[in-house]
C-alpha atoms as a PDB file:
ATOM      1  CA  MET A   1      -0.131   0.051   0.203  1.00  0.00           C
ATOM      2  CA  ARG A   2       2.771   2.521   1.105  1.00  0.00           C
ATOM      3  CA  ASN A   3       4.711   1.667  -2.133  1.00  0.00           C
ATOM      4  CA  THR A   4       1.541   2.243  -4.189  1.00  0.00           C
ATOM      5  CA  LEU A   5       1.012   5.852  -2.523  1.00  0.00           C
ATOM      6  CA  CYS A   6       4.811   6.732  -3.138  1.00  0.00           C
ATOM      7  CA  LEU A   7       4.538   5.501  -6.928  1.00  0.00           C
ATOM      8  CA  ALA A   8       1.297   7.588  -7.173  1.00  0.00           C
ATOM      9  CA  LEU A   9       2.757  10.720  -5.414  1.00  0.00           C
ATOM     10  CA  LEU A  10       5.898  10.362  -7.992  1.00  0.00           C
ATOM     11  CA  ALA A  11       3.711   9.945 -10.997  1.00  0.00           C
ATOM     12  CA  ALA A  12       1.976  13.346  -9.871  1.00  0.00           C
ATOM     13  CA  ILE A  13       5.058  15.226  -9.389  1.00  0.00           C
ATOM     14  CA  LEU A  14       6.512  13.986 -12.833  1.00  0.00           C
ATOM     15  CA  THR A  15       3.241  15.142 -14.481  1.00  0.00           C
ATOM     16  CA  GLY A  16       3.479  18.442 -12.905  1.00  0.00           C
ATOM     17  CA  ILE A  17       6.960  18.763 -13.877  1.00  0.00           C
ATOM     18  CA  LEU A  18       6.209  17.875 -17.552  1.00  0.00           C
ATOM     19  CA  ASP A  19       3.364  20.092 -17.625  1.00  0.00           C
ATOM     20  CA  LEU A  20       5.338  23.057 -16.185  1.00  0.00           C
ATOM     21  CA  GLY A  21       8.067  22.541 -18.767  1.00  0.00           C
ATOM     22  CA  SER A  22       5.540  22.429 -21.698  1.00  0.00           C
ATOM     23  CA  GLY A  23       3.912  25.404 -20.234  1.00  0.00           C
ATOM     24  CA  THR A  24       7.169  27.296 -19.898  1.00  0.00           C
ATOM     25  CA  ALA A  25       8.174  26.217 -23.283  1.00  0.00           C
ATOM     26  CA  HIS A  26       4.665  27.404 -24.836  1.00  0.00           C
ATOM     27  CA  ALA A  27       5.275  30.693 -23.308  1.00  0.00           C
ATOM     28  CA  GLU A  28       8.676  31.239 -24.776  1.00  0.00           C
ATOM     29  CA  LYS A  29       7.233  30.491 -28.079  1.00  0.00           C
ATOM     30  CA  LEU A  30       4.531  33.166 -27.952  1.00  0.00           C
ATOM     31  CA  GLN A  31       7.037  35.612 -26.314  1.00  0.00           C
ATOM     32  CA  PRO A  32       8.012  37.160 -30.076  1.00  0.00           C
ATOM     33  CA  TYR A  33       4.162  38.017 -30.488  1.00  0.00           C
ATOM     34  CA  SER A  34       4.608  40.855 -27.546  1.00  0.00           C
ATOM     35  CA  GLN A  35       6.740  42.740 -30.039  1.00  0.00           C
ATOM     36  CA  ILE A  36       4.644  41.708 -33.132  1.00  0.00           C
ATOM     37  CA  ALA A  37       1.545  43.046 -31.498  1.00  0.00           C
ATOM     38  CA  TRP A  38       3.368  46.229 -30.380  1.00  0.00           C
ATOM     39  CA  LYS A  39       4.727  46.819 -33.826  1.00  0.00           C
ATOM     40  CA  TYR A  40       1.105  46.549 -35.267  1.00  0.00           C
ATOM     41  CA  LEU A  41       0.085  49.090 -32.819  1.00  0.00           C
ATOM     42  CA  LYS A  42       2.923  51.550 -33.651  1.00  0.00           C
ATOM     43  CA  THR A  43       1.894  51.166 -37.423  1.00  0.00           C
ATOM     44  CA  LEU A  44      -1.590  52.036 -36.911  1.00  0.00           C
ATOM     45  CA  THR A  45      -0.891  55.004 -34.785  1.00  0.00           C
ATOM     46  CA  GLY A  46       1.550  56.196 -37.437  1.00  0.00           C
ATOM     47  CA  PHE A  47      -1.464  56.382 -39.669  1.00  0.00           C
ATOM     48  CA  GLY A  48      -2.752  59.296 -37.485  1.00  0.00           C
ATOM     49  CA  PRO A  49      -6.494  59.222 -36.589  1.00  0.00           C
ATOM     50  CA  ARG A  50      -8.402  56.697 -38.217  1.00  0.00           C
ATOM     51  CA  ASN A  51     -12.077  57.996 -38.164  1.00  0.00           C
ATOM     52  CA  PHE A  52     -14.320  57.441 -41.104  1.00  0.00           C
ATOM     53  CA  GLY A  53     -13.121  58.757 -44.369  1.00  0.00           C
ATOM     54  CA  SER A  54      -9.839  60.143 -42.982  1.00  0.00           C
ATOM     55  CA  SER A  55      -6.527  59.154 -44.597  1.00  0.00           C
ATOM     56  CA  GLY A  56      -5.390  57.128 -41.749  1.00  0.00           C
ATOM     57  CA  TYR A  57      -8.779  55.200 -42.021  1.00  0.00           C
ATOM     58  CA  LEU A  58      -8.133  54.184 -45.710  1.00  0.00           C
ATOM     59  CA  LYS A  59      -4.692  53.089 -44.857  1.00  0.00           C
ATOM     60  CA  THR A  60      -5.923  51.071 -42.022  1.00  0.00           C
ATOM     61  CA  ILE A  61      -8.181  49.139 -44.303  1.00  0.00           C
ATOM     62  CA  ASP A  62      -5.565  48.679 -46.786  1.00  0.00           C
ATOM     63  CA  PHE A  63      -3.160  47.444 -43.825  1.00  0.00           C
ATOM     64  CA  ILE A  64      -5.544  44.871 -42.499  1.00  0.00           C
ATOM     65  CA  LYS A  65      -6.258  43.562 -45.971  1.00  0.00           C
ATOM     66  CA  GLU A  66      -2.456  43.294 -46.663  1.00  0.00           C
ATOM     67  CA  VAL A  67      -1.688  41.251 -43.348  1.00  0.00           C
ATOM     68  CA  GLY A  68      -4.812  39.194 -44.176  1.00  0.00           C
ATOM     69  CA  GLY A  69      -3.540  38.591 -47.469  1.00  0.00           C
ATOM     70  CA  GLU A  70      -0.021  37.361 -45.977  1.00  0.00           C
ATOM     71  CA  PHE A  71      -1.680  34.920 -43.156  1.00  0.00           C
ATOM     72  CA  ALA A  72      -5.095  34.163 -43.722  1.00  0.00           C
ATOM     73  CA  ASP A  73      -6.835  31.551 -45.858  1.00  0.00           C
ATOM     74  CA  GLU A  74      -9.774  33.881 -47.034  1.00  0.00           C
ATOM     75  CA  VAL A  75      -9.887  37.592 -47.044  1.00  0.00           C
ATOM     76  CA  ASP A  76     -13.490  39.106 -47.183  1.00  0.00           C
ATOM     77  CA  VAL A  77     -14.555  42.816 -47.443  1.00  0.00           C
ATOM     78  CA  GLN A  78     -18.065  43.318 -46.353  1.00  0.00           C
ATOM     79  CA  THR A  79     -19.101  46.764 -47.605  1.00  0.00           C
ATOM     80  CA  PHE A  80     -22.505  48.479 -46.553  1.00  0.00           C
ATOM     81  CA  ASP A  81     -23.938  51.756 -46.645  1.00  0.00           C
ATOM     82  CA  PHE A  82     -25.263  53.869 -43.812  1.00  0.00           C
ATOM     83  CA  SER A  83     -27.212  57.198 -43.875  1.00  0.00           C
ATOM     84  CA  SER A  84     -26.390  59.140 -41.003  1.00  0.00           C
ATOM     85  CA  ALA A  85     -29.070  61.721 -39.144  1.00  0.00           C
ATOM     86  CA  ASN A  86     -27.202  64.728 -40.589  1.00  0.00           C
ATOM     87  CA  GLY A  87     -27.881  63.375 -44.418  1.00  0.00           C
ATOM     88  CA  ASN A  88     -24.302  61.863 -44.680  1.00  0.00           C
ATOM     89  CA  ALA A  89     -24.284  58.759 -47.055  1.00  0.00           C
ATOM     90  CA  LEU A  90     -21.668  56.523 -45.765  1.00  0.00           C
ATOM     91  CA  ASN A  91     -19.855  53.484 -47.445  1.00  0.00           C
ATOM     92  CA  MET A  92     -18.198  51.446 -44.758  1.00  0.00           C
ATOM     93  CA  SER A  93     -16.423  48.242 -44.617  1.00  0.00           C
ATOM     94  CA  ASN A  94     -15.983  45.240 -42.415  1.00  0.00           C
ATOM     95  CA  ILE A  95     -13.119  42.928 -42.882  1.00  0.00           C
ATOM     96  CA  ARG A  96     -12.942  39.323 -42.317  1.00  0.00           C
ATOM     97  CA  LEU A  97      -9.874  37.025 -41.937  1.00  0.00           C
ATOM     98  CA  ARG A  98     -10.761  33.406 -42.049  1.00  0.00           C
ATOM     99  CA  PHE A  99      -8.363  30.584 -40.717  1.00  0.00           C
ATOM    100  CA  LYS A 100      -9.645  27.264 -41.575  1.00  0.00           C
ATOM    101  CA  GLY A 101      -9.952  24.639 -38.551  1.00  0.00           C
ATOM    102  CA  THR A 102      -8.865  21.060 -38.594  1.00  0.00           C
ATOM    103  CA  GLN A 103     -12.580  19.838 -38.137  1.00  0.00           C
ATOM    104  CA  LYS A 104     -15.974  20.862 -39.188  1.00  0.00           C
ATOM    105  CA  GLY A 105     -18.258  22.941 -37.432  1.00  0.00           C
ATOM    106  CA  PRO A 106     -19.274  26.580 -36.593  1.00  0.00           C
ATOM    107  CA  ALA A 107     -16.584  29.276 -36.496  1.00  0.00           C
ATOM    108  CA  ILE A 108     -15.006  31.213 -33.267  1.00  0.00           C
ATOM    109  CA  LEU A 109     -15.273  34.951 -34.077  1.00  0.00           C
ATOM    110  CA  ILE A 110     -12.811  37.321 -32.748  1.00  0.00           C
ATOM    111  CA  GLY A 111     -13.748  41.076 -33.229  1.00  0.00           C
ATOM    112  CA  ALA A 112     -12.309  44.301 -33.024  1.00  0.00           C
ATOM    113  CA  HIS A 113     -13.233  47.807 -34.284  1.00  0.00           C
ATOM    114  CA  PHE A 114     -10.432  49.360 -36.266  1.00  0.00           C
ATOM    115  CA  ASP A 115     -12.144  53.028 -36.556  1.00  0.00           C
ATOM    116  CA  THR A 116     -11.238  55.786 -34.223  1.00  0.00           C
ATOM    117  CA  ARG A 117     -13.586  58.564 -32.733  1.00  0.00           C
ATOM    118  CA  PRO A 118     -14.029  61.564 -34.969  1.00  0.00           C
ATOM    119  CA  PHE A 119     -14.179  63.986 -32.128  1.00  0.00           C
ATOM    120  CA  ALA A 120     -12.905  64.030 -28.640  1.00  0.00           C
ATOM    121  CA  ASP A 121     -15.879  64.668 -26.957  1.00  0.00           C
ATOM    122  CA  GLU A 122     -14.796  63.604 -23.599  1.00  0.00           C
ATOM    123  CA  GLU A 123     -12.313  66.664 -23.439  1.00  0.00           C
ATOM    124  CA  THR A 124     -13.235  69.183 -20.896  1.00  0.00           C
ATOM    125  CA  ASN A 125     -12.077  72.211 -23.188  1.00  0.00           C
ATOM    126  CA  PRO A 126     -14.842  72.778 -25.622  1.00  0.00           C
ATOM    127  CA  ALA A 127     -12.022  74.203 -28.285  1.00  0.00           C
ATOM    128  CA  LEU A 128     -10.469  70.459 -28.412  1.00  0.00           C
ATOM    129  CA  GLN A 129     -13.854  68.469 -28.669  1.00  0.00           C
ATOM    130  CA  SER A 130     -14.089  68.845 -32.417  1.00  0.00           C
ATOM    131  CA  ARG A 131     -10.673  67.228 -33.184  1.00  0.00           C
ATOM    132  CA  PRO A 132     -10.362  63.385 -34.055  1.00  0.00           C
ATOM    133  CA  ILE A 133      -8.366  61.136 -31.587  1.00  0.00           C
ATOM    134  CA  LEU A 134      -5.579  59.128 -32.422  1.00  0.00           C
ATOM    135  CA  GLY A 135      -7.188  56.053 -30.479  1.00  0.00           C
ATOM    136  CA  ALA A 136      -4.191  54.240 -29.685  1.00  0.00           C
ATOM    137  CA  ASN A 137      -5.917  51.835 -27.157  1.00  0.00           C
ATOM    138  CA  ASP A 138      -9.518  52.716 -28.378  1.00  0.00           C
ATOM    139  CA  GLY A 139      -9.529  51.492 -31.842  1.00  0.00           C
ATOM    140  CA  GLY A 140      -5.815  50.842 -31.990  1.00  0.00           C
ATOM    141  CA  SER A 141      -5.104  48.186 -29.226  1.00  0.00           C
ATOM    142  CA  GLY A 142      -7.994  45.633 -30.307  1.00  0.00           C
ATOM    143  CA  THR A 143      -6.984  45.643 -33.795  1.00  0.00           C
ATOM    144  CA  ALA A 144      -3.309  45.232 -33.163  1.00  0.00           C
ATOM    145  CA  VAL A 145      -3.916  41.869 -30.959  1.00  0.00           C
ATOM    146  CA  ALA A 146      -6.352  40.575 -33.793  1.00  0.00           C
ATOM    147  CA  LEU A 147      -3.418  41.251 -36.324  1.00  0.00           C
ATOM    148  CA  ALA A 148      -0.774  39.423 -34.253  1.00  0.00           C
ATOM    149  CA  LEU A 149      -3.508  36.381 -33.926  1.00  0.00           C
ATOM    150  CA  ALA A 150      -3.473  36.532 -37.676  1.00  0.00           C
ATOM    151  CA  ARG A 151       0.173  36.005 -37.863  1.00  0.00           C
ATOM    152  CA  TYR A 152      -0.121  33.177 -35.151  1.00  0.00           C
ATOM    153  CA  LEU A 153      -2.929  31.255 -36.566  1.00  0.00           C
ATOM    154  CA  LYS A 154      -1.061  30.979 -40.044  1.00  0.00           C
ATOM    155  CA  ASP A 155       0.880  28.202 -38.468  1.00  0.00           C
ATOM    156  CA  ASN A 156      -1.051  27.014 -35.399  1.00  0.00           C
ATOM    157  CA  ARG A 157      -4.579  25.699 -36.341  1.00  0.00           C
ATOM    158  CA  ASP A 158      -7.162  25.024 -34.006  1.00  0.00           C
ATOM    159  CA  ARG A 159     -10.024  22.442 -34.051  1.00  0.00           C
ATOM    160  CA  ARG A 160     -12.511  25.097 -34.897  1.00  0.00           C
ATOM    161  CA  THR A 161     -12.337  27.648 -37.702  1.00  0.00           C
ATOM    162  CA  VAL A 162     -11.513  30.984 -36.446  1.00  0.00           C
ATOM    163  CA  GLU A 163     -12.513  34.387 -38.135  1.00  0.00           C
ATOM    164  CA  LEU A 164     -11.047  37.598 -37.185  1.00  0.00           C
ATOM    165  CA  VAL A 165     -13.483  40.425 -38.056  1.00  0.00           C
ATOM    166  CA  PHE A 166     -12.463  43.979 -38.186  1.00  0.00           C
ATOM    167  CA  PHE A 167     -15.675  46.153 -37.642  1.00  0.00           C
ATOM    168  CA  ASP A 168     -16.245  49.645 -38.970  1.00  0.00           C
ATOM    169  CA  GLY A 169     -18.204  52.387 -37.453  1.00  0.00           C
ATOM    170  CA  GLU A 170     -18.141  51.592 -33.993  1.00  0.00           C
ATOM    171  CA  ASP A 171     -16.965  54.861 -32.760  1.00  0.00           C
ATOM    172  CA  TYR A 172     -18.791  56.810 -35.334  1.00  0.00           C
ATOM    173  CA  GLY A 173     -21.842  58.828 -33.719  1.00  0.00           C
ATOM    174  CA  ALA A 174     -22.248  61.248 -31.099  1.00  0.00           C
ATOM    175  CA  LYS A 175     -23.270  59.989 -27.504  1.00  0.00           C
ATOM    176  CA  GLY A 176     -26.968  59.392 -27.618  1.00  0.00           C
ATOM    177  CA  SER A 177     -27.286  59.289 -31.428  1.00  0.00           C
ATOM    178  CA  GLY A 178     -27.533  55.421 -31.791  1.00  0.00           C
ATOM    179  CA  GLU A 179     -24.922  55.746 -34.591  1.00  0.00           C
ATOM    180  CA  ASN A 180     -22.699  53.379 -33.292  1.00  0.00           C
ATOM    181  CA  LEU A 181     -21.601  49.671 -33.509  1.00  0.00           C
ATOM    182  CA  LEU A 182     -22.556  50.124 -37.180  1.00  0.00           C
ATOM    183  CA  GLY A 183     -20.337  47.381 -38.568  1.00  0.00           C
ATOM    184  CA  SER A 184     -21.029  44.810 -35.977  1.00  0.00           C
ATOM    185  CA  THR A 185     -24.818  45.690 -36.250  1.00  0.00           C
ATOM    186  CA  TYR A 186     -24.554  45.110 -39.955  1.00  0.00           C
ATOM    187  CA  TYR A 187     -22.850  41.896 -39.707  1.00  0.00           C
ATOM    188  CA  ALA A 188     -25.106  40.579 -37.267  1.00  0.00           C
ATOM    189  CA  ASN A 189     -28.221  41.385 -39.489  1.00  0.00           C
ATOM    190  CA  GLN A 190     -26.371  39.799 -42.354  1.00  0.00           C
ATOM    191  CA  LEU A 191     -26.240  36.455 -40.178  1.00  0.00           C
ATOM    192  CA  ARG A 192     -29.876  36.700 -39.962  1.00  0.00           C
ATOM    193  CA  LEU A 193     -30.071  35.720 -43.706  1.00  0.00           C
ATOM    194  CA  MET A 194     -28.059  32.765 -43.364  1.00  0.00           C
ATOM    195  CA  LYS A 195     -28.624  29.229 -41.782  1.00  0.00           C
ATOM    196  CA  ARG A 196     -28.069  28.762 -38.277  1.00  0.00           C
ATOM    197  CA  GLU A 197     -25.343  26.154 -38.620  1.00  0.00           C
ATOM    198  CA  GLU A 198     -23.304  28.883 -40.499  1.00  0.00           C
ATOM    199  CA  TRP A 199     -23.426  31.165 -37.584  1.00  0.00           C
ATOM    200  CA  PRO A 200     -20.460  31.715 -35.160  1.00  0.00           C
ATOM    201  CA  TYR A 201     -20.149  29.406 -32.295  1.00  0.00           C
ATOM    202  CA  CYS A 202     -19.219  32.262 -30.084  1.00  0.00           C
ATOM    203  CA  VAL A 203     -18.030  35.867 -30.436  1.00  0.00           C
ATOM    204  CA  ILE A 204     -15.300  37.501 -28.331  1.00  0.00           C
ATOM    205  CA  VAL A 205     -14.717  41.182 -28.953  1.00  0.00           C
ATOM    206  CA  ILE A 206     -11.642  42.786 -27.782  1.00  0.00           C
ATOM    207  CA  ASP A 207     -11.516  46.641 -27.279  1.00  0.00           C
ATOM    208  CA  MET A 208      -9.294  49.011 -25.290  1.00  0.00           C
ATOM    209  CA  VAL A 209      -6.745  46.129 -24.169  1.00  0.00           C
ATOM    210  CA  GLY A 210      -3.555  47.975 -24.421  1.00  0.00           C
ATOM    211  CA  ASP A 211      -3.638  50.211 -21.512  1.00  0.00           C
ATOM    212  CA  ARG A 212      -0.564  50.471 -19.491  1.00  0.00           C
ATOM    213  CA  ASN A 213      -2.453  49.753 -16.307  1.00  0.00           C
ATOM    214  CA  LEU A 214      -4.831  47.241 -17.848  1.00  0.00           C
ATOM    215  CA  GLU A 215      -7.745  45.841 -15.624  1.00  0.00           C
ATOM    216  CA  ILE A 216     -10.316  43.869 -17.504  1.00  0.00           C
ATOM    217  CA  PHE A 217     -13.467  43.218 -15.277  1.00  0.00           C
ATOM    218  CA  LYS A 218     -16.242  40.603 -16.293  1.00  0.00           C
ATOM    219  CA  GLU A 219     -18.837  42.645 -18.157  1.00  0.00           C
ATOM    220  CA  THR A 220     -22.301  41.985 -17.322  1.00  0.00           C
ATOM    221  CA  HIS A 221     -23.779  41.265 -20.751  1.00  0.00           C
ATOM    222  CA  SER A 222     -21.189  38.822 -21.295  1.00  0.00           C
ATOM    223  CA  LEU A 223     -22.017  37.248 -18.182  1.00  0.00           C
ATOM    224  CA  LYS A 224     -25.617  36.781 -18.913  1.00  0.00           C
ATOM    225  CA  SER A 225     -24.908  35.819 -22.496  1.00  0.00           C
ATOM    226  CA  ALA A 226     -22.038  33.425 -21.929  1.00  0.00           C
ATOM    227  CA  PRO A 227     -21.179  32.647 -18.508  1.00  0.00           C
ATOM    228  CA  TRP A 228     -19.064  29.358 -19.648  1.00  0.00           C
ATOM    229  CA  LEU A 229     -17.004  31.468 -21.855  1.00  0.00           C
ATOM    230  CA  VAL A 230     -16.311  34.130 -19.399  1.00  0.00           C
ATOM    231  CA  ASP A 231     -15.143  31.530 -16.869  1.00  0.00           C
ATOM    232  CA  LEU A 232     -13.045  29.878 -19.458  1.00  0.00           C
ATOM    233  CA  ILE A 233     -11.447  33.231 -20.350  1.00  0.00           C
ATOM    234  CA  PHE A 234     -10.813  34.298 -16.667  1.00  0.00           C
ATOM    235  CA  GLY A 235      -9.713  30.869 -15.686  1.00  0.00           C
ATOM    236  CA  ALA A 236      -7.230  30.768 -18.380  1.00  0.00           C
ATOM    237  CA  ALA A 237      -5.985  33.958 -17.308  1.00  0.00           C
ATOM    238  CA  GLU A 238      -5.710  32.948 -13.441  1.00  0.00           C
ATOM    239  CA  LYS A 239      -3.889  29.913 -14.665  1.00  0.00           C
ATOM    240  CA  MET A 240      -1.354  32.023 -16.391  1.00  0.00           C
ATOM    241  CA  SER A 241      -1.373  34.491 -13.343  1.00  0.00           C
ATOM    242  CA  MET A 242      -2.451  37.198 -15.614  1.00  0.00           C
ATOM    243  CA  THR A 243      -3.142  40.041 -13.001  1.00  0.00           C
ATOM    244  CA  GLN A 244      -4.623  42.231 -15.865  1.00  0.00           C
ATOM    245  CA  PHE A 245      -7.905  39.980 -15.604  1.00  0.00           C
ATOM    246  CA  ARG A 246      -9.943  40.781 -12.548  1.00  0.00           C
ATOM    247  CA  SER A 247     -12.471  38.112 -11.120  1.00  0.00           C
ATOM    248  CA  GLN A 248     -15.122  40.755 -10.206  1.00  0.00           C
ATOM    249  CA  SER A 249     -17.845  41.988 -12.631  1.00  0.00           C
ATOM    250  CA  LYS A 250     -18.091  45.664 -13.551  1.00  0.00           C
ATOM    251  CA  TYR A 251     -19.724  47.735 -16.151  1.00  0.00           C
ATOM    252  CA  THR A 252     -22.755  47.005 -18.577  1.00  0.00           C
ATOM    253  CA  ILE A 253     -21.234  48.100 -21.880  1.00  0.00           C
ATOM    254  CA  TYR A 254     -22.974  48.366 -25.338  1.00  0.00           C
ATOM    255  CA  ASP A 255     -19.799  47.123 -27.687  1.00  0.00           C
ATOM    256  CA  ASP A 256     -19.444  45.223 -30.721  1.00  0.00           C
ATOM    257  CA  HIS A 257     -20.446  42.070 -28.901  1.00  0.00           C
ATOM    258  CA  TYR A 258     -24.133  43.240 -28.159  1.00  0.00           C
ATOM    259  CA  PRO A 259     -25.720  42.814 -31.612  1.00  0.00           C
ATOM    260  CA  PHE A 260     -24.506  39.257 -31.629  1.00  0.00           C
ATOM    261  CA  ILE A 261     -26.023  38.705 -28.040  1.00  0.00           C
ATOM    262  CA  GLY A 262     -29.433  39.796 -29.769  1.00  0.00           C
ATOM    263  CA  LEU A 263     -29.261  36.683 -31.876  1.00  0.00           C
ATOM    264  CA  GLY A 264     -28.621  34.529 -29.131  1.00  0.00           C
ATOM    265  CA  ILE A 265     -24.824  33.849 -29.829  1.00  0.00           C
ATOM    266  CA  PRO A 266     -22.911  33.278 -26.779  1.00  0.00           C
ATOM    267  CA  SER A 267     -20.741  36.587 -26.946  1.00  0.00           C
ATOM    268  CA  VAL A 268     -18.395  38.539 -24.413  1.00  0.00           C
ATOM    269  CA  VAL A 269     -16.337  41.583 -24.731  1.00  0.00           C
ATOM    270  CA  LEU A 270     -12.830  42.194 -22.999  1.00  0.00           C
ATOM    271  CA  ILE A 271     -12.433  45.713 -22.160  1.00  0.00           C
ATOM    272  CA  ASP A 272     -10.914  48.127 -19.604  1.00  0.00           C
ATOM    273  CA  PHE A 273     -13.396  50.752 -19.398  1.00  0.00           C
ATOM    274  CA  ASP A 274     -11.377  52.464 -16.687  1.00  0.00           C
ATOM    275  CA  TYR A 275      -9.092  54.049 -19.296  1.00  0.00           C
ATOM    276  CA  PRO A 276      -8.815  57.600 -18.150  1.00  0.00           C
ATOM    277  CA  ASN A 277      -8.029  58.699 -21.704  1.00  0.00           C
ATOM    278  CA  TRP A 278     -11.076  57.545 -23.423  1.00  0.00           C
ATOM    279  CA  HIS A 279     -12.319  59.498 -26.181  1.00  0.00           C
ATOM    280  CA  LYS A 280      -9.547  62.221 -25.578  1.00  0.00           C
ATOM    281  CA  LEU A 281      -6.715  63.650 -27.649  1.00  0.00           C
ATOM    282  CA  THR A 282      -4.387  61.848 -24.940  1.00  0.00           C
ATOM    283  CA  ASP A 283      -5.156  58.376 -26.244  1.00  0.00           C
ATOM    284  CA  THR A 284      -1.689  57.909 -27.532  1.00  0.00           C
ATOM    285  CA  LEU A 285       0.792  55.268 -27.926  1.00  0.00           C
ATOM    286  CA  ASP A 286       2.574  56.294 -24.761  1.00  0.00           C
ATOM    287  CA  LYS A 287      -0.425  55.375 -22.762  1.00  0.00           C
ATOM    288  CA  CYS A 288      -0.167  51.800 -23.884  1.00  0.00           C
ATOM    289  CA  SER A 289       2.221  49.035 -23.320  1.00  0.00           C
ATOM    290  CA  PRO A 290       3.207  45.667 -25.223  1.00  0.00           C
ATOM    291  CA  GLU A 291       2.884  43.771 -21.778  1.00  0.00           C
ATOM    292  CA  SER A 292      -0.824  44.603 -21.996  1.00  0.00           C
ATOM    293  CA  LEU A 293      -1.398  43.590 -25.524  1.00  0.00           C
ATOM    294  CA  PHE A 294       0.721  40.232 -24.832  1.00  0.00           C
ATOM    295  CA  SER A 295      -1.251  39.455 -21.995  1.00  0.00           C
ATOM    296  CA  VAL A 296      -4.751  39.477 -23.935  1.00  0.00           C
ATOM    297  CA  PHE A 297      -3.007  37.701 -26.843  1.00  0.00           C
ATOM    298  CA  ARG A 298      -1.707  35.066 -24.721  1.00  0.00           C
ATOM    299  CA  VAL A 299      -5.252  34.199 -22.972  1.00  0.00           C
ATOM    300  CA  LEU A 300      -6.895  34.308 -26.341  1.00  0.00           C
ATOM    301  CA  VAL A 301      -4.424  31.721 -27.796  1.00  0.00           C
ATOM    302  CA  ALA A 302      -5.050  29.512 -24.455  1.00  0.00           C
ATOM    303  CA  VAL A 303      -8.803  29.873 -24.869  1.00  0.00           C
ATOM    304  CA  LEU A 304      -8.772  29.130 -28.554  1.00  0.00           C
ATOM    305  CA  GLY A 305      -7.780  25.534 -27.985  1.00  0.00           C
ATOM    306  CA  LYS A 306     -10.416  24.816 -25.445  1.00  0.00           C
ATOM    307  CA  ILE A 307     -13.545  25.906 -27.152  1.00  0.00           C
END
């Protein structure tokens, strides 16, 4: 009996050592993506503000398509028209990068908005409120992490197909105008025209995930829509000692996950809504860090293999 217990204990210790070694090796393999994501963010902010119709906006669309052409199996551009309340006719674009899984079945959708706020309406100085923001964190960080995932998924396929969708028009309209979430709303409405088996298995939206002092809490719409997915994400973060992910719930946020919740698709958003530079001209690259981007990237990679 004593020998049996000793052997069992030894086996457990060895298994733990092997798991630890495997985890360490995997973390080292992923380490280059810290700078890859950061480089993408620097490129995006180098384009300047990326609000609808601007030079930076057009360069961003071309850049996402260029990265997709290099790494993805398929690149789809979904164009749509939107008529604003002030009479502007807008032609917008969602961009989808598709990575085929090793098995059949509905895809995992990871979404991020690439547009930035056309006005800094959270500035206290009225003279500054009409200027477009750079959006290093708000618009840039989620896009950068998704582009890094595109590079990773090129050579690391999961069981499920993964679709990286870059939404337009999330930040277009003024407060209370209802002219927000334009790209994700259009994308979700198009799903209504498709067979349900063609809908995503689940949706994970990443928005404002580059803040130097990153704190991601469990968002309440997400908890109601997909508690199992929230548990999976935050459980993976805890296992890897990612202190940027907090176990408490905080905030009810209408982000690009919300239109998919309306369809009954399990959907969550990862966001730091305590970001002090939100919708301000001070939302610049120096407020972000590669460590924050990488923490979200690592958690997403871990989760993709478990869904």
